[in-house]
PDB file of all heavy atoms in Angstrom:
ATOM      1  N   GLY A   1      13.962 -17.688  16.620  1.00  0.00           N
ATOM      2  CA  GLY A   1      12.536 -17.420  16.754  1.00  0.00           C
ATOM      3  C   GLY A   1      12.187 -15.955  16.599  1.00  0.00           C
ATOM      4  O   GLY A   1      11.035 -15.568  16.813  1.00  0.00           O
ATOM      5  N   GLU A   2      13.158 -15.137  16.212  1.00  0.00           N
ATOM      6  CA  GLU A   2      12.936 -13.694  16.098  1.00  0.00           C
ATOM      7  C   GLU A   2      13.480 -13.179  14.775  1.00  0.00           C
ATOM      8  O   GLU A   2      14.408 -13.755  14.189  1.00  0.00           O
ATOM      9  CB  GLU A   2      13.600 -12.956  17.260  1.00  0.00           C
ATOM     10  CG  GLU A   2      13.041 -13.313  18.627  1.00  0.00           C
ATOM     11  CD  GLU A   2      13.725 -12.536  19.729  1.00  0.00           C
ATOM     12  OE1 GLU A   2      14.664 -11.766  19.415  1.00  0.00           O
ATOM     13  OE2 GLU A   2      13.323 -12.705  20.893  1.00  0.00           O
ATOM     14  N   LEU A   3      12.896 -12.066  14.322  1.00  0.00           N
ATOM     15  CA  LEU A   3      13.387 -11.396  13.121  1.00  0.00           C
ATOM     16  C   LEU A   3      14.645 -10.599  13.457  1.00  0.00           C
ATOM     17  O   LEU A   3      14.825 -10.168  14.597  1.00  0.00           O
ATOM     18  CB  LEU A   3      12.317 -10.450  12.554  1.00  0.00           C
ATOM     19  CG  LEU A   3      11.065 -11.092  11.983  1.00  0.00           C
ATOM     20  CD1 LEU A   3      10.004 -10.020  11.732  1.00  0.00           C
ATOM     21  CD2 LEU A   3      11.380 -11.840  10.699  1.00  0.00           C
ATOM     22  N   PRO A   4      15.516 -10.382  12.469  1.00  0.00           N
ATOM     23  CA  PRO A   4      16.711  -9.560  12.730  1.00  0.00           C
ATOM     24  C   PRO A   4      16.313  -8.122  13.065  1.00  0.00           C
ATOM     25  O   PRO A   4      15.243  -7.635  12.676  1.00  0.00           O
ATOM     26  CB  PRO A   4      17.483  -9.636  11.414  1.00  0.00           C
ATOM     27  CG  PRO A   4      16.496 -10.066  10.391  1.00  0.00           C
ATOM     28  CD  PRO A   4      15.505 -10.919  11.100  1.00  0.00           C
ATOM     29  N   SER A   5      17.179  -7.446  13.752  1.00  0.00           N
ATOM     30  CA  SER A   5      16.860  -6.098  14.267  1.00  0.00           C
ATOM     31  C   SER A   5      16.640  -5.086  13.155  1.00  0.00           C
ATOM     32  O   SER A   5      15.941  -4.088  13.353  1.00  0.00           O
ATOM     33  CB  SER A   5      17.989  -5.617  15.194  1.00  0.00           C
ATOM     34  OG  SER A   5      19.234  -5.610  14.492  1.00  0.00           O
ATOM     35  N   GLU A   6      17.250  -5.321  11.978  1.00  0.00           N
ATOM     36  CA  GLU A   6      17.102  -4.328  10.905  1.00  0.00           C
ATOM     37  C   GLU A   6      15.755  -4.373  10.200  1.00  0.00           C
ATOM     38  O   GLU A   6      15.429  -3.509   9.387  1.00  0.00           O
ATOM     39  CB  GLU A   6      18.218  -4.495   9.859  1.00  0.00           C
ATOM     40  CG  GLU A   6      18.187  -5.826   9.109  1.00  0.00           C
ATOM     41  CD  GLU A   6      19.066  -6.889   9.740  1.00  0.00           C
ATOM     42  OE1 GLU A   6      19.349  -6.763  10.954  1.00  0.00           O
ATOM     43  OE2 GLU A   6      19.468  -7.819   9.031  1.00  0.00           O
ATOM     44  N   VAL A   7      14.943  -5.399  10.492  1.00  0.00           N
ATOM     45  CA  VAL A   7      13.621  -5.479   9.893  1.00  0.00           C
ATOM     46  C   VAL A   7      12.713  -4.399  10.482  1.00  0.00           C
ATOM     47  O   VAL A   7      12.672  -4.199  11.708  1.00  0.00           O
ATOM     48  CB  VAL A   7      13.005  -6.879  10.134  1.00  0.00           C
ATOM     49  CG1 VAL A   7      11.539  -6.894   9.685  1.00  0.00           C
ATOM     50  CG2 VAL A   7      13.791  -7.940   9.374  1.00  0.00           C
ATOM     51  N   ILE A   8      11.996  -3.689   9.641  1.00  0.00           N
ATOM     52  CA  ILE A   8      11.083  -2.635  10.078  1.00  0.00           C
ATOM     53  C   ILE A   8       9.710  -3.259  10.344  1.00  0.00           C
ATOM     54  O   ILE A   8       9.071  -3.779   9.429  1.00  0.00           O
ATOM     55  CB  ILE A   8      10.962  -1.528   9.024  1.00  0.00           C
ATOM     56  CG1 ILE A   8      12.329  -0.885   8.766  1.00  0.00           C
ATOM     57  CG2 ILE A   8       9.961  -0.462   9.472  1.00  0.00           C
ATOM     58  CD1 ILE A   8      12.319   0.168   7.652  1.00  0.00           C
ATOM     59  N   LYS A   9       9.260  -3.214  11.586  1.00  0.00           N
ATOM     60  CA  LYS A   9       7.977  -3.788  11.958  1.00  0.00           C
ATOM     61  C   LYS A   9       6.896  -2.710  11.951  1.00  0.00           C
ATOM     62  O   LYS A   9       7.061  -1.645  12.570  1.00  0.00           O
ATOM     63  CB  LYS A   9       8.057  -4.443  13.344  1.00  0.00           C
ATOM     64  CG  LYS A   9       9.022  -5.636  13.382  1.00  0.00           C
ATOM     65  CD  LYS A   9       9.044  -6.258  14.781  1.00  0.00           C
ATOM     66  CE  LYS A   9      10.021  -7.426  14.839  1.00  0.00           C
ATOM     67  NZ  LYS A   9      10.073  -8.023  16.198  1.00  0.00           N
ATOM     68  N   LEU A  10       5.827  -2.991  11.248  1.00  0.00           N
ATOM     69  CA  LEU A  10       4.709  -2.058  11.152  1.00  0.00           C
ATOM     70  C   LEU A  10       3.418  -2.745  11.571  1.00  0.00           C
ATOM     71  O   LEU A  10       3.355  -3.970  11.660  1.00  0.00           O
ATOM     72  CB  LEU A  10       4.579  -1.545   9.710  1.00  0.00           C
ATOM     73  CG  LEU A  10       5.786  -0.852   9.080  1.00  0.00           C
ATOM     74  CD1 LEU A  10       5.489  -0.495   7.637  1.00  0.00           C
ATOM     75  CD2 LEU A  10       6.158   0.403   9.861  1.00  0.00           C
ATOM     76  N   ASP A  11       2.391  -1.936  11.821  1.00  0.00           N
ATOM     77  CA  ASP A  11       1.074  -2.530  12.044  1.00  0.00           C
ATOM     78  C   ASP A  11       0.431  -2.765  10.657  1.00  0.00           C
ATOM     79  O   ASP A  11       0.923  -2.261   9.646  1.00  0.00           O
ATOM     80  CB  ASP A  11       0.193  -1.631  12.923  1.00  0.00           C
ATOM     81  CG  ASP A  11      -0.047  -0.244  12.324  1.00  0.00           C
ATOM     82  OD1 ASP A  11      -0.167  -0.140  11.092  1.00  0.00           O
ATOM     83  OD2 ASP A  11      -0.131   0.718  13.097  1.00  0.00           O
ATOM     84  N   PRO A  12      -0.654  -3.543  10.594  1.00  0.00           N
ATOM     85  CA  PRO A  12      -1.233  -3.878   9.291  1.00  0.00           C
ATOM     86  C   PRO A  12      -1.604  -2.683   8.449  1.00  0.00           C
ATOM     87  O   PRO A  12      -1.397  -2.665   7.227  1.00  0.00           O
ATOM     88  CB  PRO A  12      -2.460  -4.704   9.666  1.00  0.00           C
ATOM     89  CG  PRO A  12      -2.125  -5.319  10.975  1.00  0.00           C
ATOM     90  CD  PRO A  12      -1.311  -4.279  11.699  1.00  0.00           C
ATOM     91  N   GLU A  13      -2.176  -1.628   9.078  1.00  0.00           N
ATOM     92  CA  GLU A  13      -2.594  -0.453   8.314  1.00  0.00           C
ATOM     93  C   GLU A  13      -1.399   0.204   7.622  1.00  0.00           C
ATOM     94  O   GLU A  13      -1.468   0.591   6.449  1.00  0.00           O
ATOM     95  CB  GLU A  13      -3.305   0.546   9.229  1.00  0.00           C
ATOM     96  CG  GLU A  13      -4.721   0.163   9.612  1.00  0.00           C
ATOM     97  CD  GLU A  13      -4.778  -0.956  10.647  1.00  0.00           C
ATOM     98  OE1 GLU A  13      -3.716  -1.272  11.239  1.00  0.00           O
ATOM     99  OE2 GLU A  13      -5.846  -1.534  10.854  1.00  0.00           O
ATOM    100  N   GLU A  14      -0.279   0.338   8.365  1.00  0.00           N
ATOM    101  CA  GLU A  14       0.908   0.973   7.791  1.00  0.00           C
ATOM    102  C   GLU A  14       1.528   0.096   6.700  1.00  0.00           C
ATOM    103  O   GLU A  14       1.933   0.601   5.644  1.00  0.00           O
ATOM    104  CB  GLU A  14       1.929   1.233   8.893  1.00  0.00           C
ATOM    105  CG  GLU A  14       1.520   2.275   9.920  1.00  0.00           C
ATOM    106  CD  GLU A  14       2.526   2.398  11.050  1.00  0.00           C
ATOM    107  OE1 GLU A  14       2.886   1.366  11.636  1.00  0.00           O
ATOM    108  OE2 GLU A  14       2.950   3.535  11.323  1.00  0.00           O
ATOM    109  N   PHE A  15       1.593  -1.196   6.966  1.00  0.00           N
ATOM    110  CA  PHE A  15       2.204  -2.103   6.001  1.00  0.00           C
ATOM    111  C   PHE A  15       1.503  -2.062   4.669  1.00  0.00           C
ATOM    112  O   PHE A  15       2.133  -1.971   3.600  1.00  0.00           O
ATOM    113  CB  PHE A  15       2.170  -3.539   6.566  1.00  0.00           C
ATOM    114  CG  PHE A  15       2.767  -4.575   5.654  1.00  0.00           C
ATOM    115  CD1 PHE A  15       4.107  -4.930   5.769  1.00  0.00           C
ATOM    116  CD2 PHE A  15       2.008  -5.207   4.678  1.00  0.00           C
ATOM    117  CE1 PHE A  15       4.663  -5.902   4.943  1.00  0.00           C
ATOM    118  CE2 PHE A  15       2.551  -6.167   3.835  1.00  0.00           C
ATOM    119  CZ  PHE A  15       3.880  -6.510   3.973  1.00  0.00           C
ATOM    120  N   TRP A  16       0.167  -2.108   4.686  1.00  0.00           N
ATOM    121  CA  TRP A  16      -0.582  -2.217   3.426  1.00  0.00           C
ATOM    122  C   TRP A  16      -0.787  -0.885   2.712  1.00  0.00           C
ATOM    123  O   TRP A  16      -1.367  -0.863   1.619  1.00  0.00           O
ATOM    124  CB  TRP A  16      -1.912  -2.907   3.686  1.00  0.00           C
ATOM    125  CG  TRP A  16      -1.728  -4.356   3.985  1.00  0.00           C
ATOM    126  CD1 TRP A  16      -1.816  -4.971   5.209  1.00  0.00           C
ATOM    127  CD2 TRP A  16      -1.423  -5.412   3.049  1.00  0.00           C
ATOM    128  NE1 TRP A  16      -1.567  -6.321   5.100  1.00  0.00           N
ATOM    129  CE2 TRP A  16      -1.336  -6.612   3.782  1.00  0.00           C
ATOM    130  CE3 TRP A  16      -1.207  -5.436   1.668  1.00  0.00           C
ATOM    131  CZ2 TRP A  16      -1.034  -7.828   3.174  1.00  0.00           C
ATOM    132  CZ3 TRP A  16      -0.904  -6.636   1.056  1.00  0.00           C
ATOM    133  CH2 TRP A  16      -0.830  -7.815   1.790  1.00  0.00           C
ATOM    134  N   THR A  17      -0.309   0.203   3.291  1.00  0.00           N
ATOM    135  CA  THR A  17      -0.305   1.453   2.501  1.00  0.00           C
ATOM    136  C   THR A  17       0.716   1.351   1.381  1.00  0.00           C
ATOM    137  O   THR A  17       0.646   2.088   0.398  1.00  0.00           O
ATOM    138  CB  THR A  17       0.047   2.660   3.391  1.00  0.00           C
ATOM    139  OG1 THR A  17       1.342   2.480   3.956  1.00  0.00           O
ATOM    140  CG2 THR A  17      -0.994   2.863   4.489  1.00  0.00           C
ATOM    141  N   GLY A  18       1.681   0.411   1.542  1.00  0.00           N
ATOM    142  CA  GLY A  18       2.687   0.205   0.505  1.00  0.00           C
ATOM    143  C   GLY A  18       3.807   1.226   0.518  1.00  0.00           C
ATOM    144  O   GLY A  18       4.626   1.263  -0.398  1.00  0.00           O
ATOM    145  N   ASP A  19       3.847   2.067   1.555  1.00  0.00           N
ATOM    146  CA  ASP A  19       4.886   3.079   1.630  1.00  0.00           C
ATOM    147  C   ASP A  19       6.126   2.464   2.287  1.00  0.00           C
ATOM    148  O   ASP A  19       6.447   2.748   3.452  1.00  0.00           O
ATOM    149  CB  ASP A  19       4.376   4.281   2.431  1.00  0.00           C
ATOM    150  CG  ASP A  19       5.368   5.446   2.415  1.00  0.00           C
ATOM    151  OD1 ASP A  19       6.269   5.441   1.553  1.00  0.00           O
ATOM    152  OD2 ASP A  19       5.234   6.343   3.265  1.00  0.00           O
ATOM    153  N   TRP A  20       6.800   1.603   1.540  1.00  0.00           N
ATOM    154  CA  TRP A  20       7.945   0.878   2.080  1.00  0.00           C
ATOM    155  C   TRP A  20       9.253   1.629   1.833  1.00  0.00           C
ATOM    156  O   TRP A  20       9.325   2.514   0.976  1.00  0.00           O
ATOM    157  CB  TRP A  20       8.036  -0.515   1.440  1.00  0.00           C
ATOM    158  CG  TRP A  20       6.843  -1.373   1.686  1.00  0.00           C
ATOM    159  CD1 TRP A  20       5.817  -1.159   2.555  1.00  0.00           C
ATOM    160  CD2 TRP A  20       6.551  -2.608   1.035  1.00  0.00           C
ATOM    161  NE1 TRP A  20       4.902  -2.176   2.499  1.00  0.00           N
ATOM    162  CE2 TRP A  20       5.320  -3.096   1.582  1.00  0.00           C
ATOM    163  CE3 TRP A  20       7.183  -3.369   0.069  1.00  0.00           C
ATOM    164  CZ2 TRP A  20       4.742  -4.279   1.163  1.00  0.00           C
ATOM    165  CZ3 TRP A  20       6.608  -4.567  -0.349  1.00  0.00           C
ATOM    166  CH2 TRP A  20       5.407  -5.023   0.203  1.00  0.00           C
ATOM    167  N   THR A  21      10.277   1.223   2.575  1.00  0.00           N
ATOM    168  CA  THR A  21      11.602   1.801   2.410  1.00  0.00           C
ATOM    169  C   THR A  21      12.449   0.888   1.534  1.00  0.00           C
ATOM    170  O   THR A  21      12.665  -0.279   1.880  1.00  0.00           O
ATOM    171  CB  THR A  21      12.292   1.974   3.773  1.00  0.00           C
ATOM    172  OG1 THR A  21      11.494   2.800   4.608  1.00  0.00           O
ATOM    173  CG2 THR A  21      13.681   2.598   3.609  1.00  0.00           C
ATOM    174  N   PRO A  22      12.917   1.353   0.387  1.00  0.00           N
ATOM    175  CA  PRO A  22      13.754   0.500  -0.472  1.00  0.00           C
ATOM    176  C   PRO A  22      15.004   0.020   0.260  1.00  0.00           C
ATOM    177  O   PRO A  22      15.629   0.777   1.019  1.00  0.00           O
ATOM    178  CB  PRO A  22      14.116   1.432  -1.637  1.00  0.00           C
ATOM    179  CG  PRO A  22      13.014   2.442  -1.670  1.00  0.00           C
ATOM    180  CD  PRO A  22      12.642   2.660  -0.236  1.00  0.00           C
ATOM    181  N   GLY A  23      15.341  -1.241   0.068  1.00  0.00           N
ATOM    182  CA  GLY A  23      16.525  -1.791   0.730  1.00  0.00           C
ATOM    183  C   GLY A  23      16.259  -2.285   2.133  1.00  0.00           C
ATOM    184  O   GLY A  23      17.185  -2.719   2.835  1.00  0.00           O
ATOM    185  N   LYS A  24      14.999  -2.203   2.604  1.00  0.00           N
ATOM    186  CA  LYS A  24      14.631  -2.670   3.937  1.00  0.00           C
ATOM    187  C   LYS A  24      13.553  -3.750   3.839  1.00  0.00           C
ATOM    188  O   LYS A  24      12.707  -3.733   2.941  1.00  0.00           O
ATOM    189  CB  LYS A  24      14.120  -1.512   4.791  1.00  0.00           C
ATOM    190  CG  LYS A  24      15.150  -0.457   5.123  1.00  0.00           C
ATOM    191  CD  LYS A  24      16.215  -1.004   6.067  1.00  0.00           C
ATOM    192  CE  LYS A  24      17.187   0.076   6.475  1.00  0.00           C
ATOM    193  NZ  LYS A  24      18.214  -0.420   7.444  1.00  0.00           N
ATOM    194  N   ILE A  25      13.573  -4.654   4.796  1.00  0.00           N
ATOM    195  CA  ILE A  25      12.557  -5.691   4.910  1.00  0.00           C
ATOM    196  C   ILE A  25      11.477  -5.165   5.844  1.00  0.00           C
ATOM    197  O   ILE A  25      11.766  -4.712   6.963  1.00  0.00           O
ATOM    198  CB  ILE A  25      13.157  -7.004   5.460  1.00  0.00           C
ATOM    199  CG1 ILE A  25      14.241  -7.511   4.516  1.00  0.00           C
ATOM    200  CG2 ILE A  25      12.066  -8.063   5.604  1.00  0.00           C
ATOM    201  CD1 ILE A  25      15.038  -8.684   5.075  1.00  0.00           C
ATOM    202  N   ILE A  26      10.238  -5.222   5.398  1.00  0.00           N
ATOM    203  CA  ILE A  26       9.108  -4.713   6.184  1.00  0.00           C
ATOM    204  C   ILE A  26       8.282  -5.912   6.661  1.00  0.00           C
ATOM    205  O   ILE A  26       8.112  -6.898   5.940  1.00  0.00           O
ATOM    206  CB  ILE A  26       8.216  -3.796   5.313  1.00  0.00           C
ATOM    207  CG1 ILE A  26       9.074  -2.855   4.456  1.00  0.00           C
ATOM    208  CG2 ILE A  26       7.233  -3.022   6.193  1.00  0.00           C
ATOM    209  CD1 ILE A  26       9.954  -1.928   5.261  1.00  0.00           C
ATOM    210  N   ALA A  27       7.777  -5.844   7.903  1.00  0.00           N
ATOM    211  CA  ALA A  27       7.065  -6.998   8.440  1.00  0.00           C
ATOM    212  C   ALA A  27       5.910  -6.599   9.334  1.00  0.00           C
ATOM    213  O   ALA A  27       5.901  -5.533   9.960  1.00  0.00           O
ATOM    214  CB  ALA A  27       8.039  -7.890   9.216  1.00  0.00           C
ATOM    215  N   VAL A  28       4.904  -7.490   9.367  1.00  0.00           N
ATOM    216  CA  VAL A  28       3.806  -7.430  10.328  1.00  0.00           C
ATOM    217  C   VAL A  28       3.870  -8.762  11.071  1.00  0.00           C
ATOM    218  O   VAL A  28       3.796  -9.829  10.455  1.00  0.00           O
ATOM    219  CB  VAL A  28       2.434  -7.278   9.654  1.00  0.00           C
ATOM    220  CG1 VAL A  28       1.326  -7.290  10.708  1.00  0.00           C
ATOM    221  CG2 VAL A  28       2.384  -5.999   8.844  1.00  0.00           C
ATOM    222  N   ALA A  29       4.000  -8.713  12.380  1.00  0.00           N
ATOM    223  CA  ALA A  29       4.216  -9.945  13.132  1.00  0.00           C
ATOM    224  C   ALA A  29       3.143 -10.155  14.194  1.00  0.00           C
ATOM    225  O   ALA A  29       2.736  -9.230  14.892  1.00  0.00           O
ATOM    226  CB  ALA A  29       5.593  -9.918  13.794  1.00  0.00           C
ATOM    227  N   THR A  30       2.654 -11.394  14.279  1.00  0.00           N
ATOM    228  CA  THR A  30       1.807 -11.830  15.375  1.00  0.00           C
ATOM    229  C   THR A  30       2.533 -12.990  16.059  1.00  0.00           C
ATOM    230  O   THR A  30       3.664 -13.312  15.736  1.00  0.00           O
ATOM    231  CB  THR A  30       0.424 -12.276  14.883  1.00  0.00           C
ATOM    232  OG1 THR A  30       0.572 -13.420  14.023  1.00  0.00           O
ATOM    233  CG2 THR A  30      -0.271 -11.151  14.129  1.00  0.00           C
ATOM    234  N   ARG A  31       1.853 -13.616  16.998  1.00  0.00           N
ATOM    235  CA  ARG A  31       2.519 -14.677  17.771  1.00  0.00           C
ATOM    236  C   ARG A  31       2.928 -15.863  16.901  1.00  0.00           C
ATOM    237  O   ARG A  31       3.974 -16.459  17.107  1.00  0.00           O
ATOM    238  CB  ARG A  31       1.581 -15.151  18.888  1.00  0.00           C
ATOM    239  CG  ARG A  31       2.237 -16.098  19.887  1.00  0.00           C
ATOM    240  CD  ARG A  31       1.311 -16.351  21.065  1.00  0.00           C
ATOM    241  NE  ARG A  31       0.079 -16.996  20.639  1.00  0.00           N
ATOM    242  CZ  ARG A  31      -0.073 -18.310  20.542  1.00  0.00           C
ATOM    243  NH1 ARG A  31       0.933 -19.123  20.835  1.00  0.00           N
ATOM    244  NH2 ARG A  31      -1.229 -18.839  20.166  1.00  0.00           N
ATOM    245  N   ARG A  32       2.116 -16.191  15.907  1.00  0.00           N
ATOM    246  CA  ARG A  32       2.381 -17.386  15.097  1.00  0.00           C
ATOM    247  C   ARG A  32       2.614 -17.104  13.613  1.00  0.00           C
ATOM    248  O   ARG A  32       2.974 -18.008  12.867  1.00  0.00           O
ATOM    249  CB  ARG A  32       1.225 -18.385  15.243  1.00  0.00           C
ATOM    250  CG  ARG A  32       1.007 -18.920  16.635  1.00  0.00           C
ATOM    251  CD  ARG A  32      -0.150 -19.898  16.662  1.00  0.00           C
ATOM    252  NE  ARG A  32       0.141 -21.078  15.853  1.00  0.00           N
ATOM    253  CZ  ARG A  32       0.701 -22.179  16.345  1.00  0.00           C
ATOM    254  NH1 ARG A  32       1.054 -22.240  17.603  1.00  0.00           N
ATOM    255  NH2 ARG A  32       0.910 -23.217  15.564  1.00  0.00           N
ATOM    256  N   ASP A  33       2.401 -15.869  13.201  1.00  0.00           N
ATOM    257  CA  ASP A  33       2.522 -15.549  11.773  1.00  0.00           C
ATOM    258  C   ASP A  33       3.295 -14.250  11.569  1.00  0.00           C
ATOM    259  O   ASP A  33       3.142 -13.294  12.348  1.00  0.00           O
ATOM    260  CB  ASP A  33       1.136 -15.414  11.133  1.00  0.00           C
ATOM    261  CG  ASP A  33       0.337 -16.689  11.227  1.00  0.00           C
ATOM    262  OD1 ASP A  33       0.677 -17.653  10.528  1.00  0.00           O
ATOM    263  OD2 ASP A  33      -0.624 -16.735  12.015  1.00  0.00           O
ATOM    264  N   ILE A  34       4.115 -14.242  10.523  1.00  0.00           N
ATOM    265  CA  ILE A  34       4.888 -13.050  10.163  1.00  0.00           C
ATOM    266  C   ILE A  34       4.722 -12.798   8.678  1.00  0.00           C
ATOM    267  O   ILE A  34       5.069 -13.645   7.854  1.00  0.00           O
ATOM    268  CB  ILE A  34       6.377 -13.204  10.504  1.00  0.00           C
ATOM    269  CG1 ILE A  34       6.573 -13.463  11.995  1.00  0.00           C
ATOM    270  CG2 ILE A  34       7.134 -11.932  10.101  1.00  0.00           C
ATOM    271  CD1 ILE A  34       8.014 -13.757  12.372  1.00  0.00           C
ATOM    272  N   LEU A  35       4.151 -11.644   8.343  1.00  0.00           N
ATOM    273  CA  LEU A  35       4.020 -11.233   6.958  1.00  0.00           C
ATOM    274  C   LEU A  35       5.199 -10.341   6.605  1.00  0.00           C
ATOM    275  O   LEU A  35       5.487  -9.365   7.318  1.00  0.00           O
ATOM    276  CB  LEU A  35       2.692 -10.486   6.767  1.00  0.00           C
ATOM    277  CG  LEU A  35       2.446  -9.886   5.392  1.00  0.00           C
ATOM    278  CD1 LEU A  35       2.292 -10.972   4.333  1.00  0.00           C
ATOM    279  CD2 LEU A  35       1.176  -9.007   5.426  1.00  0.00           C
ATOM    280  N   VAL A  36       5.891 -10.667   5.529  1.00  0.00           N
ATOM    281  CA  VAL A  36       7.105  -9.941   5.140  1.00  0.00           C
ATOM    282  C   VAL A  36       6.927  -9.376   3.729  1.00  0.00           C
ATOM    283  O   VAL A  36       6.362 -10.039   2.842  1.00  0.00           O
ATOM    284  CB  VAL A  36       8.332 -10.876   5.170  1.00  0.00           C
ATOM    285  CG1 VAL A  36       9.555 -10.204   4.530  1.00  0.00           C
ATOM    286  CG2 VAL A  36       8.644 -11.273   6.603  1.00  0.00           C
ATOM    287  N   GLY A  37       7.421  -8.173   3.536  1.00  0.00           N
ATOM    288  CA  GLY A  37       7.383  -7.560   2.209  1.00  0.00           C
ATOM    289  C   GLY A  37       8.629  -6.716   1.993  1.00  0.00           C
ATOM    290  O   GLY A  37       9.210  -6.181   2.940  1.00  0.00           O
ATOM    291  N   PHE A  38       9.044  -6.594   0.749  1.00  0.00           N
ATOM    292  CA  PHE A  38      10.164  -5.706   0.413  1.00  0.00           C
ATOM    293  C   PHE A  38      10.144  -5.425  -1.087  1.00  0.00           C
ATOM    294  O   PHE A  38       9.527  -6.123  -1.876  1.00  0.00           O
ATOM    295  CB  PHE A  38      11.514  -6.293   0.846  1.00  0.00           C
ATOM    296  CG  PHE A  38      11.783  -7.694   0.340  1.00  0.00           C
ATOM    297  CD1 PHE A  38      12.347  -7.918  -0.911  1.00  0.00           C
ATOM    298  CD2 PHE A  38      11.503  -8.780   1.143  1.00  0.00           C
ATOM    299  CE1 PHE A  38      12.614  -9.206  -1.364  1.00  0.00           C
ATOM    300  CE2 PHE A  38      11.761 -10.073   0.710  1.00  0.00           C
ATOM    301  CZ  PHE A  38      12.319 -10.289  -0.545  1.00  0.00           C
ATOM    302  N   TYR A  39      10.833  -4.324  -1.424  1.00  0.00           N
ATOM    303  CA  TYR A  39      10.955  -3.923  -2.834  1.00  0.00           C
ATOM    304  C   TYR A  39      12.079  -4.712  -3.499  1.00  0.00           C
ATOM    305  O   TYR A  39      13.112  -5.000  -2.902  1.00  0.00           O
ATOM    306  CB  TYR A  39      11.284  -2.431  -2.949  1.00  0.00           C
ATOM    307  CG  TYR A  39      10.105  -1.506  -2.822  1.00  0.00           C
ATOM    308  CD1 TYR A  39      10.173  -0.414  -1.956  1.00  0.00           C
ATOM    309  CD2 TYR A  39       8.972  -1.670  -3.587  1.00  0.00           C
ATOM    310  CE1 TYR A  39       9.101   0.475  -1.840  1.00  0.00           C
ATOM    311  CE2 TYR A  39       7.914  -0.781  -3.492  1.00  0.00           C
ATOM    312  CZ  TYR A  39       7.987   0.270  -2.613  1.00  0.00           C
ATOM    313  OH  TYR A  39       6.919   1.149  -2.511  1.00  0.00           O
ATOM    314  N   VAL A  40      11.887  -4.984  -4.789  1.00  0.00           N
ATOM    315  CA  VAL A  40      12.913  -5.573  -5.622  1.00  0.00           C
ATOM    316  C   VAL A  40      13.065  -4.709  -6.854  1.00  0.00           C
ATOM    317  O   VAL A  40      12.064  -4.293  -7.467  1.00  0.00           O
ATOM    318  CB  VAL A  40      12.554  -7.022  -6.026  1.00  0.00           C
ATOM    319  CG1 VAL A  40      13.473  -7.523  -7.125  1.00  0.00           C
ATOM    320  CG2 VAL A  40      12.637  -7.954  -4.822  1.00  0.00           C
ATOM    321  N   ASN A  41      14.319  -4.394  -7.205  1.00  0.00           N
ATOM    322  CA  ASN A  41      14.595  -3.629  -8.423  1.00  0.00           C
ATOM    323  C   ASN A  41      14.729  -4.623  -9.582  1.00  0.00           C
ATOM    324  O   ASN A  41      15.749  -5.303  -9.715  1.00  0.00           O
ATOM    325  CB  ASN A  41      15.871  -2.820  -8.251  1.00  0.00           C
ATOM    326  CG  ASN A  41      16.168  -1.958  -9.477  1.00  0.00           C
ATOM    327  OD1 ASN A  41      15.364  -1.913 -10.422  1.00  0.00           O
ATOM    328  ND2 ASN A  41      17.310  -1.291  -9.465  1.00  0.00           N
ATOM    329  N   LYS A  42      13.711  -4.702 -10.416  1.00  0.00           N
ATOM    330  CA  LYS A  42      13.716  -5.665 -11.519  1.00  0.00           C
ATOM    331  C   LYS A  42      14.768  -5.314 -12.578  1.00  0.00           C
ATOM    332  O   LYS A  42      15.187  -6.180 -13.343  1.00  0.00           O
ATOM    333  CB  LYS A  42      12.327  -5.707 -12.148  1.00  0.00           C
ATOM    334  CG  LYS A  42      11.247  -6.216 -11.225  1.00  0.00           C
ATOM    335  CD  LYS A  42       9.889  -6.258 -11.907  1.00  0.00           C
ATOM    336  CE  LYS A  42       9.373  -4.852 -12.173  1.00  0.00           C
ATOM    337  NZ  LYS A  42       8.024  -4.879 -12.813  1.00  0.00           N
TER     338      LYS A  42
END
């Protein structure tokens, strides 16, 4: 029921600035919903 410890949790404002860390999973979490984002090297 929990995300792994290596996931970087941000608030919505920080998440949507798009300033993510390559190689890390970024998330915004509420009680029932978790939004996840990460970079992919195409």
